[in-house]
Amino acid sequence: MLITGAELADGRVRDVRIRDGEFVAVESGLEPERGERVVDARGRTMLPGAVDVHVHFREPGGSHKETWTTGSRAAAAGGVTTVVDQPNTSPPTVDGAAFAEKAALADGNALVDYGINGGFTADWDPDALFDSPLLALGEVFLADSTGEMGIDADLFAEAVAAAAARDVPVTVHAEDATLFDDEAMDGDLGGVGRAADADRWSAYRTATAEAVAVERAIETGVDAGGRIHVAHTSTPEGIDAVAEAAADGAPVTCEVTPHHLFLSRADAGRLGTYGRMNPPLRSTERRRAVFERLRDGTVD
């Protein structure tokens, strides 16, 4: 295939030839070969495929929400060419058998390249899990009220040490459920409807709950000798905790999501229940502060 007149990320306009799935030429003035498909990309920008290291394709156990086919189709449509699926499916990906089951579903159904993250629970089997071709130990819910994937600090330290012994990074969903504001969820919704429900959810899962959990994950994880990656940081405080630890030499990183960059509690009225997520949407001020940390390179 020959793509002509594409503007590259650095502003240069070039023709690009792809053969057998590989780039073989990036030049000006390339001529079509016999029988070659030609795509006119004038006026369009050509970027490398994106890698999304944090997807929830919900299969097995939740295919009414998402499958490897539907999720990877959406990824491809958005220019994402590699995804990494998280372990909180049913059954959770915490042992070799669960990993094999998920891998079988992905094989032949995923339209993009993929990796599968494993997780751990109180009865996890580290030897069986790490015998699987895991990319990483993914989205551990540290002190979070998210069902069977939630763990305590002692188990977290044990799992991080097991991962570190195998040179595997650990991804943490950092929210401390003991710091959620129960009063924010008191009473029924009355006539205020779904928008208030989403906004109330944001008030309930406090910014402090994230920031404290990030700090605890870093401290415990580093003490256990592990590499810690904090998922979907939604607060500037959480991002700063990672950046400060990294500046001191700790092997820690963080990520942010588009919805936390572009949406805030001010959007709850128009979003309805689409505005309810974990971690939740934050204030406009915090949203702006998170965006600035992306712009200046603080976010990894």
C-alpha atoms as a PDB file:
ATOM      1  CA  MET A   1       0.000   0.000   0.000  1.00  0.00           C
ATOM      2  CA  LEU A   2       1.186   3.511  -0.828  1.00  0.00           C
ATOM      3  CA  ILE A   3      -0.026   6.471   1.255  1.00  0.00           C
ATOM      4  CA  THR A   4       0.647   9.728  -0.565  1.00  0.00           C
ATOM      5  CA  GLY A   5       0.912  13.300   0.670  1.00  0.00           C
ATOM      6  CA  ALA A   6       0.647  12.529   4.380  1.00  0.00           C
ATOM      7  CA  GLU A   7       1.700  15.175   6.889  1.00  0.00           C
ATOM      8  CA  LEU A   8       3.889  13.581   9.556  1.00  0.00           C
ATOM      9  CA  ALA A   9       3.931  14.600  13.202  1.00  0.00           C
ATOM     10  CA  ASP A  10       6.914  16.917  12.623  1.00  0.00           C
ATOM     11  CA  GLY A  11       5.130  18.753   9.798  1.00  0.00           C
ATOM     12  CA  ARG A  12       6.963  17.138   6.871  1.00  0.00           C
ATOM     13  CA  VAL A  13       4.808  15.909   3.974  1.00  0.00           C
ATOM     14  CA  ARG A  14       5.873  12.495   2.708  1.00  0.00           C
ATOM     15  CA  ASP A  15       4.702   9.411   0.842  1.00  0.00           C
ATOM     16  CA  VAL A  16       4.716   6.213   2.889  1.00  0.00           C
ATOM     17  CA  ARG A  17       4.931   2.673   1.521  1.00  0.00           C
ATOM     18  CA  ILE A  18       3.789  -0.290   3.617  1.00  0.00           C
ATOM     19  CA  ARG A  19       4.508  -3.868   2.589  1.00  0.00           C
ATOM     20  CA  ASP A  20       3.623  -7.026   4.557  1.00  0.00           C
ATOM     21  CA  GLY A  21       2.721  -4.944   7.579  1.00  0.00           C
ATOM     22  CA  GLU A  22       5.994  -3.003   7.693  1.00  0.00           C
ATOM     23  CA  PHE A  23       7.044   0.503   6.640  1.00  0.00           C
ATOM     24  CA  VAL A  24       9.535   0.101   3.803  1.00  0.00           C
ATOM     25  CA  ALA A  25       9.823   3.692   2.562  1.00  0.00           C
ATOM     26  CA  VAL A  26       9.102   7.219   3.825  1.00  0.00           C
ATOM     27  CA  GLU A  27      10.057   9.562   1.003  1.00  0.00           C
ATOM     28  CA  SER A  28       8.821  12.243  -1.356  1.00  0.00           C
ATOM     29  CA  GLY A  29       7.669  11.448  -4.866  1.00  0.00           C
ATOM     30  CA  LEU A  30       7.111   7.712  -4.539  1.00  0.00           C
ATOM     31  CA  GLU A  31       5.358   6.176  -7.548  1.00  0.00           C
ATOM     32  CA  PRO A  32       2.763   3.391  -7.280  1.00  0.00           C
ATOM     33  CA  GLU A  33       3.921  -0.106  -8.018  1.00  0.00           C
ATOM     34  CA  ARG A  34       1.905  -2.415 -10.272  1.00  0.00           C
ATOM     35  CA  GLY A  35      -1.335  -3.402  -8.532  1.00  0.00           C
ATOM     36  CA  GLU A  36      -0.506  -1.386  -5.415  1.00  0.00           C
ATOM     37  CA  ARG A  37      -3.326   0.175  -3.418  1.00  0.00           C
ATOM     38  CA  VAL A  38      -2.945   3.961  -3.209  1.00  0.00           C
ATOM     39  CA  VAL A  39      -4.428   6.095  -0.429  1.00  0.00           C
ATOM     40  CA  ASP A  40      -4.501   9.868  -0.951  1.00  0.00           C
ATOM     41  CA  ALA A  41      -3.710  11.408   2.461  1.00  0.00           C
ATOM     42  CA  ARG A  42      -3.338  15.025   1.408  1.00  0.00           C
ATOM     43  CA  GLY A  43      -4.610  17.333   4.139  1.00  0.00           C
ATOM     44  CA  ARG A  44      -4.397  14.582   6.738  1.00  0.00           C
ATOM     45  CA  THR A  45      -1.924  13.902   9.528  1.00  0.00           C
ATOM     46  CA  MET A  46      -0.289  10.478   9.793  1.00  0.00           C
ATOM     47  CA  LEU A  47       0.657   9.389  13.306  1.00  0.00           C
ATOM     48  CA  PRO A  48       2.078   6.171  14.765  1.00  0.00           C
ATOM     49  CA  GLY A  49      -0.458   3.752  16.199  1.00  0.00           C
ATOM     50  CA  ALA A  50      -1.256   4.470  19.838  1.00  0.00           C
ATOM     51  CA  VAL A  51      -0.697   1.977  22.656  1.00  0.00           C
ATOM     52  CA  ASP A  52      -3.455   1.908  25.297  1.00  0.00           C
ATOM     53  CA  VAL A  53      -2.053   0.086  28.322  1.00  0.00           C
ATOM     54  CA  HIS A  54      -5.323   0.255  30.258  1.00  0.00           C
ATOM     55  CA  VAL A  55      -8.469  -1.199  28.723  1.00  0.00           C
ATOM     56  CA  HIS A  56     -11.370  -3.163  30.205  1.00  0.00           C
ATOM     57  CA  PHE A  57     -12.793  -5.450  27.541  1.00  0.00           C
ATOM     58  CA  ARG A  58     -14.957  -7.285  30.150  1.00  0.00           C
ATOM     59  CA  GLU A  59     -14.586 -10.720  28.610  1.00  0.00           C
ATOM     60  CA  PRO A  60     -14.988 -13.316  30.065  1.00  0.00           C
ATOM     61  CA  GLY A  61     -17.965 -12.716  32.334  1.00  0.00           C
ATOM     62  CA  GLY A  62     -19.194  -9.346  31.104  1.00  0.00           C
ATOM     63  CA  SER A  63     -19.617  -9.652  27.361  1.00  0.00           C
ATOM     64  CA  HIS A  64     -22.916  -7.734  27.537  1.00  0.00           C
ATOM     65  CA  LYS A  65     -20.711  -4.708  28.288  1.00  0.00           C
ATOM     66  CA  GLU A  66     -17.763  -5.315  25.943  1.00  0.00           C
ATOM     67  CA  THR A  67     -15.950  -8.105  24.106  1.00  0.00           C
ATOM     68  CA  TRP A  68     -12.536  -8.507  22.557  1.00  0.00           C
ATOM     69  CA  THR A  69     -14.143  -7.924  19.170  1.00  0.00           C
ATOM     70  CA  THR A  70     -16.103  -4.777  20.028  1.00  0.00           C
ATOM     71  CA  GLY A  71     -13.374  -3.275  22.197  1.00  0.00           C
ATOM     72  CA  SER A  72     -10.584  -3.876  19.710  1.00  0.00           C
ATOM     73  CA  ARG A  73     -12.780  -2.584  16.869  1.00  0.00           C
ATOM     74  CA  ALA A  74     -13.237   0.672  18.781  1.00  0.00           C
ATOM     75  CA  ALA A  75      -9.492   0.797  19.435  1.00  0.00           C
ATOM     76  CA  ALA A  76      -8.645   0.357  15.749  1.00  0.00           C
ATOM     77  CA  ALA A  77     -11.169   3.015  14.749  1.00  0.00           C
ATOM     78  CA  GLY A  78      -9.444   5.453  17.092  1.00  0.00           C
ATOM     79  CA  GLY A  79      -5.913   4.726  15.876  1.00  0.00           C
ATOM     80  CA  VAL A  80      -4.991   2.454  18.794  1.00  0.00           C
ATOM     81  CA  THR A  81      -2.995  -0.513  17.514  1.00  0.00           C
ATOM     82  CA  THR A  82      -2.061  -2.217  20.804  1.00  0.00           C
ATOM     83  CA  VAL A  83      -4.142  -2.668  23.968  1.00  0.00           C
ATOM     84  CA  VAL A  84      -3.480  -4.177  27.389  1.00  0.00           C
ATOM     85  CA  ASP A  85      -6.524  -5.653  29.135  1.00  0.00           C
ATOM     86  CA  GLN A  86      -7.019  -5.461  32.893  1.00  0.00           C
ATOM     87  CA  PRO A  87      -7.658  -8.457  35.188  1.00  0.00           C
ATOM     88  CA  ASN A  88     -10.955  -7.649  36.914  1.00  0.00           C
ATOM     89  CA  THR A  89     -13.080  -9.856  34.693  1.00  0.00           C
ATOM     90  CA  SER A  90     -15.047 -12.918  35.812  1.00  0.00           C
ATOM     91  CA  PRO A  91     -13.220 -15.038  36.673  1.00  0.00           C
ATOM     92  CA  PRO A  92     -10.485 -12.546  37.577  1.00  0.00           C
ATOM     93  CA  THR A  93      -7.172 -13.136  35.831  1.00  0.00           C
ATOM     94  CA  VAL A  94      -5.288 -14.277  38.920  1.00  0.00           C
ATOM     95  CA  ASP A  95      -4.008 -17.724  37.893  1.00  0.00           C
ATOM     96  CA  GLY A  96      -2.809 -19.623  34.876  1.00  0.00           C
ATOM     97  CA  ALA A  97      -6.205 -21.127  34.033  1.00  0.00           C
ATOM     98  CA  ALA A  98      -7.947 -17.745  34.017  1.00  0.00           C
ATOM     99  CA  PHE A  99      -5.161 -16.285  31.906  1.00  0.00           C
ATOM    100  CA  ALA A 100      -5.459 -19.114  29.389  1.00  0.00           C
ATOM    101  CA  GLU A 101      -9.230 -18.651  29.194  1.00  0.00           C
ATOM    102  CA  LYS A 102      -8.889 -14.955  28.443  1.00  0.00           C
ATOM    103  CA  ALA A 103      -6.066 -15.532  25.974  1.00  0.00           C
ATOM    104  CA  ALA A 104      -8.251 -17.996  24.064  1.00  0.00           C
ATOM    105  CA  LEU A 105     -10.984 -15.372  23.783  1.00  0.00           C
ATOM    106  CA  ALA A 106      -8.525 -12.757  22.562  1.00  0.00           C
ATOM    107  CA  ASP A 107      -6.950 -15.083  20.014  1.00  0.00           C
ATOM    108  CA  GLY A 108      -8.757 -14.661  16.724  1.00  0.00           C
ATOM    109  CA  ASN A 109     -11.168 -12.014  18.052  1.00  0.00           C
ATOM    110  CA  ALA A 110      -8.861  -9.082  18.747  1.00  0.00           C
ATOM    111  CA  LEU A 111      -8.410  -6.813  15.724  1.00  0.00           C
ATOM    112  CA  VAL A 112      -5.299  -5.156  17.172  1.00  0.00           C
ATOM    113  CA  ASP A 113      -2.201  -6.348  19.031  1.00  0.00           C
ATOM    114  CA  TYR A 114      -2.802  -7.020  22.700  1.00  0.00           C
ATOM    115  CA  GLY A 115      -1.368  -7.881  26.088  1.00  0.00           C
ATOM    116  CA  ILE A 116      -3.163  -9.324  29.105  1.00  0.00           C
ATOM    117  CA  ASN A 117      -2.530  -8.144  32.629  1.00  0.00           C
ATOM    118  CA  GLY A 118      -2.797 -10.448  35.610  1.00  0.00           C
ATOM    119  CA  GLY A 119      -3.905  -9.490  39.106  1.00  0.00           C
ATOM    120  CA  PHE A 120      -3.972 -10.969  42.564  1.00  0.00           C
ATOM    121  CA  THR A 121      -6.431 -11.707  45.348  1.00  0.00           C
ATOM    122  CA  ALA A 122      -6.083 -13.299  48.760  1.00  0.00           C
ATOM    123  CA  ASP A 123      -5.894 -16.772  47.197  1.00  0.00           C
ATOM    124  CA  TRP A 124      -3.789 -15.944  44.145  1.00  0.00           C
ATOM    125  CA  ASP A 125      -1.215 -18.367  42.749  1.00  0.00           C
ATOM    126  CA  PRO A 126       1.892 -16.362  41.841  1.00  0.00           C
ATOM    127  CA  ASP A 127       3.795 -19.296  40.340  1.00  0.00           C
ATOM    128  CA  ALA A 128       0.936 -20.291  38.043  1.00  0.00           C
ATOM    129  CA  LEU A 129       0.200 -16.687  37.151  1.00  0.00           C
ATOM    130  CA  PHE A 130       3.759 -15.713  36.293  1.00  0.00           C
ATOM    131  CA  ASP A 131       4.237 -18.837  34.207  1.00  0.00           C
ATOM    132  CA  SER A 132       1.786 -17.195  31.810  1.00  0.00           C
ATOM    133  CA  PRO A 133       3.156 -14.731  29.234  1.00  0.00           C
ATOM    134  CA  LEU A 134       2.030 -11.687  31.217  1.00  0.00           C
ATOM    135  CA  LEU A 135       2.975  -8.203  30.184  1.00  0.00           C
ATOM    136  CA  ALA A 136       2.538  -6.897  33.729  1.00  0.00           C
ATOM    137  CA  LEU A 137       0.623  -7.295  36.962  1.00  0.00           C
ATOM    138  CA  GLY A 138      -2.308  -5.033  36.250  1.00  0.00           C
ATOM    139  CA  GLU A 139      -4.650  -2.704  38.079  1.00  0.00           C
ATOM    140  CA  VAL A 140      -4.387  -3.822  41.647  1.00  0.00           C
ATOM    141  CA  PHE A 141      -7.131  -2.110  43.610  1.00  0.00           C
ATOM    142  CA  LEU A 142      -5.265  -0.850  46.651  1.00  0.00           C
ATOM    143  CA  ALA A 143      -7.614  -0.465  49.650  1.00  0.00           C
ATOM    144  CA  ASP A 144     -10.496   0.103  47.266  1.00  0.00           C
ATOM    145  CA  SER A 145     -14.110  -1.005  47.551  1.00  0.00           C
ATOM    146  CA  THR A 146     -14.176  -2.774  44.191  1.00  0.00           C
ATOM    147  CA  GLY A 147     -15.032  -6.333  45.195  1.00  0.00           C
ATOM    148  CA  GLU A 148     -12.663  -9.269  45.079  1.00  0.00           C
ATOM    149  CA  MET A 149      -9.812  -7.366  43.436  1.00  0.00           C
ATOM    150  CA  GLY A 150      -9.441  -5.099  46.486  1.00  0.00           C
ATOM    151  CA  ILE A 151      -6.516  -5.912  48.806  1.00  0.00           C
ATOM    152  CA  ASP A 152      -4.851  -4.736  52.014  1.00  0.00           C
ATOM    153  CA  ALA A 153      -1.373  -3.302  52.430  1.00  0.00           C
ATOM    154  CA  ASP A 154       0.255  -6.553  53.621  1.00  0.00           C
ATOM    155  CA  LEU A 155      -1.008  -8.523  50.639  1.00  0.00           C
ATOM    156  CA  PHE A 156      -0.025  -5.679  48.362  1.00  0.00           C
ATOM    157  CA  ALA A 157       3.541  -5.781  49.656  1.00  0.00           C
ATOM    158  CA  GLU A 158       3.644  -9.561  49.190  1.00  0.00           C
ATOM    159  CA  ALA A 159       2.425  -9.326  45.624  1.00  0.00           C
ATOM    160  CA  VAL A 160       4.779  -6.477  44.723  1.00  0.00           C
ATOM    161  CA  ALA A 161       7.721  -8.488  46.060  1.00  0.00           C
ATOM    162  CA  ALA A 162       6.654 -11.497  43.963  1.00  0.00           C
ATOM    163  CA  ALA A 163       6.358  -9.282  40.899  1.00  0.00           C
ATOM    164  CA  ALA A 164       9.699  -7.600  41.575  1.00  0.00           C
ATOM    165  CA  ALA A 165      11.430 -10.996  41.771  1.00  0.00           C
ATOM    166  CA  ARG A 166      10.269 -11.572  38.200  1.00  0.00           C
ATOM    167  CA  ASP A 167      10.949  -8.008  37.002  1.00  0.00           C
ATOM    168  CA  VAL A 168       7.242  -7.326  36.456  1.00  0.00           C
ATOM    169  CA  PRO A 169       5.771  -3.842  37.079  1.00  0.00           C
ATOM    170  CA  VAL A 170       2.591  -3.418  39.125  1.00  0.00           C
ATOM    171  CA  THR A 171      -0.292  -1.149  38.122  1.00  0.00           C
ATOM    172  CA  VAL A 172      -2.278   0.320  41.015  1.00  0.00           C
ATOM    173  CA  HIS A 173      -5.822   1.665  41.156  1.00  0.00           C
ATOM    174  CA  ALA A 174      -5.213   4.002  44.073  1.00  0.00           C
ATOM    175  CA  GLU A 175      -8.293   4.935  46.092  1.00  0.00           C
ATOM    176  CA  ASP A 176      -8.567   4.452  49.853  1.00  0.00           C
ATOM    177  CA  ALA A 177     -12.177   3.513  50.614  1.00  0.00           C
ATOM    178  CA  THR A 178     -11.761   4.435  54.282  1.00  0.00           C
ATOM    179  CA  LEU A 179     -11.489   8.065  53.159  1.00  0.00           C
ATOM    180  CA  PHE A 180     -14.670   8.128  51.086  1.00  0.00           C
ATOM    181  CA  ASP A 181     -17.251  10.664  52.285  1.00  0.00           C
ATOM    182  CA  ASP A 182     -20.299   8.605  53.284  1.00  0.00           C
ATOM    183  CA  GLU A 183     -22.313  11.742  54.048  1.00  0.00           C
ATOM    184  CA  ALA A 184     -22.174  12.699  50.368  1.00  0.00           C
ATOM    185  CA  MET A 185     -24.291   9.636  49.564  1.00  0.00           C
ATOM    186  CA  ASP A 186     -26.835  10.034  52.382  1.00  0.00           C
ATOM    187  CA  GLY A 187     -30.520  10.176  51.500  1.00  0.00           C
ATOM    188  CA  ASP A 188     -32.266   9.387  48.235  1.00  0.00           C
ATOM    189  CA  LEU A 189     -31.978  11.376  45.047  1.00  0.00           C
ATOM    190  CA  GLY A 190     -35.504  12.737  45.188  1.00  0.00           C
ATOM    191  CA  GLY A 191     -36.232  14.826  42.140  1.00  0.00           C
ATOM    192  CA  VAL A 192     -32.661  15.806  41.329  1.00  0.00           C
ATOM    193  CA  GLY A 193     -32.089  12.788  39.097  1.00  0.00           C
ATOM    194  CA  ARG A 194     -29.109  11.194  37.469  1.00  0.00           C
ATOM    195  CA  ALA A 195     -26.903  14.264  37.128  1.00  0.00           C
ATOM    196  CA  ALA A 196     -26.826  14.798  40.868  1.00  0.00           C
ATOM    197  CA  ASP A 197     -26.082  11.098  41.278  1.00  0.00           C
ATOM    198  CA  ALA A 198     -22.925  11.482  39.185  1.00  0.00           C
ATOM    199  CA  ASP A 199     -21.891  14.643  41.000  1.00  0.00           C
ATOM    200  CA  ARG A 200     -22.607  13.056  44.353  1.00  0.00           C
ATOM    201  CA  TRP A 201     -20.445  10.112  43.347  1.00  0.00           C
ATOM    202  CA  SER A 202     -17.592  12.541  42.735  1.00  0.00           C
ATOM    203  CA  ALA A 203     -18.097  14.057  46.158  1.00  0.00           C
ATOM    204  CA  TYR A 204     -18.218  10.600  47.729  1.00  0.00           C
ATOM    205  CA  ARG A 205     -14.952   9.269  46.261  1.00  0.00           C
ATOM    206  CA  THR A 206     -12.825  12.142  47.503  1.00  0.00           C
ATOM    207  CA  ALA A 207      -9.640  13.536  45.994  1.00  0.00           C
ATOM    208  CA  THR A 208      -7.938  12.898  49.341  1.00  0.00           C
ATOM    209  CA  ALA A 209      -8.767   9.196  49.051  1.00  0.00           C
ATOM    210  CA  GLU A 210      -6.757   9.043  45.843  1.00  0.00           C
ATOM    211  CA  ALA A 211      -3.814  11.142  46.977  1.00  0.00           C
ATOM    212  CA  VAL A 212      -3.330   9.165  50.204  1.00  0.00           C
ATOM    213  CA  ALA A 213      -3.567   5.830  48.388  1.00  0.00           C
ATOM    214  CA  VAL A 214      -1.011   6.944  45.798  1.00  0.00           C
ATOM    215  CA  GLU A 215       1.452   7.849  48.546  1.00  0.00           C
ATOM    216  CA  ARG A 216       0.839   4.522  50.315  1.00  0.00           C
ATOM    217  CA  ALA A 217       1.252   2.544  47.098  1.00  0.00           C
ATOM    218  CA  ILE A 218       4.555   4.245  46.381  1.00  0.00           C
ATOM    219  CA  GLU A 219       5.899   3.748  49.903  1.00  0.00           C
ATOM    220  CA  THR A 220       4.830   0.121  50.215  1.00  0.00           C
ATOM    221  CA  GLY A 221       5.757  -0.769  46.657  1.00  0.00           C
ATOM    222  CA  VAL A 222       9.207   0.769  46.736  1.00  0.00           C
ATOM    223  CA  ASP A 223       9.948  -0.839  50.120  1.00  0.00           C
ATOM    224  CA  ALA A 224       9.041  -4.190  48.547  1.00  0.00           C
ATOM    225  CA  GLY A 225      11.465  -3.558  45.702  1.00  0.00           C
ATOM    226  CA  GLY A 226       8.850  -3.133  43.004  1.00  0.00           C
ATOM    227  CA  ARG A 227       8.125  -0.890  40.052  1.00  0.00           C
ATOM    228  CA  ILE A 228       4.818   0.933  40.580  1.00  0.00           C
ATOM    229  CA  HIS A 229       2.607   2.429  37.883  1.00  0.00           C
ATOM    230  CA  VAL A 230      -0.384   4.423  39.139  1.00  0.00           C
ATOM    231  CA  ALA A 231      -3.410   4.061  36.872  1.00  0.00           C
ATOM    232  CA  HIS A 232      -5.741   6.885  35.841  1.00  0.00           C
ATOM    233  CA  THR A 233      -4.539   9.576  38.249  1.00  0.00           C
ATOM    234  CA  SER A 234      -7.352  12.107  38.469  1.00  0.00           C
ATOM    235  CA  THR A 235      -5.833  14.623  40.895  1.00  0.00           C
ATOM    236  CA  PRO A 236      -2.823  16.932  40.711  1.00  0.00           C
ATOM    237  CA  GLU A 237      -1.938  15.771  44.233  1.00  0.00           C
ATOM    238  CA  GLY A 238      -1.628  12.170  43.072  1.00  0.00           C
ATOM    239  CA  ILE A 239       0.471  13.136  40.060  1.00  0.00           C
ATOM    240  CA  ASP A 240       2.757  15.280  42.216  1.00  0.00           C
ATOM    241  CA  ALA A 241       3.297  12.428  44.681  1.00  0.00           C
ATOM    242  CA  VAL A 242       4.490  10.225  41.817  1.00  0.00           C
ATOM    243  CA  ALA A 243       6.692  12.963  40.373  1.00  0.00           C
ATOM    244  CA  GLU A 244       8.316  13.713  43.737  1.00  0.00           C
ATOM    245  CA  ALA A 245       9.073  10.054  44.346  1.00  0.00           C
ATOM    246  CA  ALA A 246      10.466   9.649  40.831  1.00  0.00           C
ATOM    247  CA  ALA A 247      12.683  12.699  41.352  1.00  0.00           C
ATOM    248  CA  ASP A 248      14.138  10.891  44.371  1.00  0.00           C
ATOM    249  CA  GLY A 249      14.954   7.896  42.201  1.00  0.00           C
ATOM    250  CA  ALA A 250      11.934   5.679  42.893  1.00  0.00           C
ATOM    251  CA  PRO A 251      10.801   3.499  39.939  1.00  0.00           C
ATOM    252  CA  VAL A 252       7.288   4.962  39.769  1.00  0.00           C
ATOM    253  CA  THR A 253       5.166   6.321  36.919  1.00  0.00           C
ATOM    254  CA  CYS A 254       1.590   7.459  36.375  1.00  0.00           C
ATOM    255  CA  GLU A 255      -0.985   7.867  33.627  1.00  0.00           C
ATOM    256  CA  VAL A 256      -4.032  10.066  33.027  1.00  0.00           C
ATOM    257  CA  THR A 257      -7.186   9.458  30.997  1.00  0.00           C
ATOM    258  CA  PRO A 258      -8.955  11.627  28.414  1.00  0.00           C
ATOM    259  CA  HIS A 259     -12.111  11.932  30.526  1.00  0.00           C
ATOM    260  CA  HIS A 260     -10.203  13.300  33.507  1.00  0.00           C
ATOM    261  CA  LEU A 261      -8.406  15.739  31.178  1.00  0.00           C
ATOM    262  CA  PHE A 262     -11.476  17.075  29.394  1.00  0.00           C
ATOM    263  CA  LEU A 263     -14.410  16.593  31.796  1.00  0.00           C
ATOM    264  CA  SER A 264     -15.138  17.771  35.329  1.00  0.00           C
ATOM    265  CA  ARG A 265     -17.961  17.860  37.840  1.00  0.00           C
ATOM    266  CA  ALA A 266     -19.235  20.913  35.984  1.00  0.00           C
ATOM    267  CA  ASP A 267     -20.240  18.531  33.170  1.00  0.00           C
ATOM    268  CA  ALA A 268     -22.349  16.255  35.392  1.00  0.00           C
ATOM    269  CA  GLY A 269     -25.620  17.880  34.350  1.00  0.00           C
ATOM    270  CA  ARG A 270     -25.268  16.971  30.679  1.00  0.00           C
ATOM    271  CA  LEU A 271     -23.494  13.652  31.217  1.00  0.00           C
ATOM    272  CA  GLY A 272     -25.950  11.990  33.584  1.00  0.00           C
ATOM    273  CA  THR A 273     -24.751   8.530  34.580  1.00  0.00           C
ATOM    274  CA  TYR A 274     -22.055   8.697  31.891  1.00  0.00           C
ATOM    275  CA  GLY A 275     -20.333  11.049  34.309  1.00  0.00           C
ATOM    276  CA  ARG A 276     -20.039   8.386  37.003  1.00  0.00           C
ATOM    277  CA  MET A 277     -16.716   6.511  37.015  1.00  0.00           C
ATOM    278  CA  ASN A 278     -13.880   5.390  39.271  1.00  0.00           C
ATOM    279  CA  PRO A 279     -11.898   7.467  40.071  1.00  0.00           C
ATOM    280  CA  PRO A 280     -14.632  10.059  39.610  1.00  0.00           C
ATOM    281  CA  LEU A 281     -14.632  13.357  37.782  1.00  0.00           C
ATOM    282  CA  ARG A 282     -12.996  16.137  39.772  1.00  0.00           C
ATOM    283  CA  SER A 283     -13.515  19.875  40.082  1.00  0.00           C
ATOM    284  CA  THR A 284     -12.795  22.190  37.178  1.00  0.00           C
ATOM    285  CA  GLU A 285      -9.742  23.497  39.042  1.00  0.00           C
ATOM    286  CA  ARG A 286      -8.292  20.027  39.517  1.00  0.00           C
ATOM    287  CA  ARG A 287      -9.052  19.095  35.913  1.00  0.00           C
ATOM    288  CA  ARG A 288      -7.111  22.112  34.702  1.00  0.00           C
ATOM    289  CA  ALA A 289      -4.220  21.324  37.027  1.00  0.00           C
ATOM    290  CA  VAL A 290      -4.063  17.728  35.745  1.00  0.00           C
ATOM    291  CA  PHE A 291      -4.022  19.009  32.152  1.00  0.00           C
ATOM    292  CA  GLU A 292      -1.160  21.372  32.946  1.00  0.00           C
ATOM    293  CA  ARG A 293       0.847  18.484  34.366  1.00  0.00           C
ATOM    294  CA  LEU A 294       0.307  16.601  31.128  1.00  0.00           C
ATOM    295  CA  ARG A 295       1.402  19.635  29.110  1.00  0.00           C
ATOM    296  CA  ASP A 296       4.609  20.188  31.097  1.00  0.00           C
ATOM    297  CA  GLY A 297       5.617  16.508  31.030  1.00  0.00           C
ATOM    298  CA  THR A 298       5.013  15.672  34.680  1.00  0.00           C
ATOM    299  CA  VAL A 299       2.593  12.913  33.656  1.00  0.00           C
ATOM    300  CA  ASP A 300       4.418   9.928  32.235  1.00  0.00           C
END
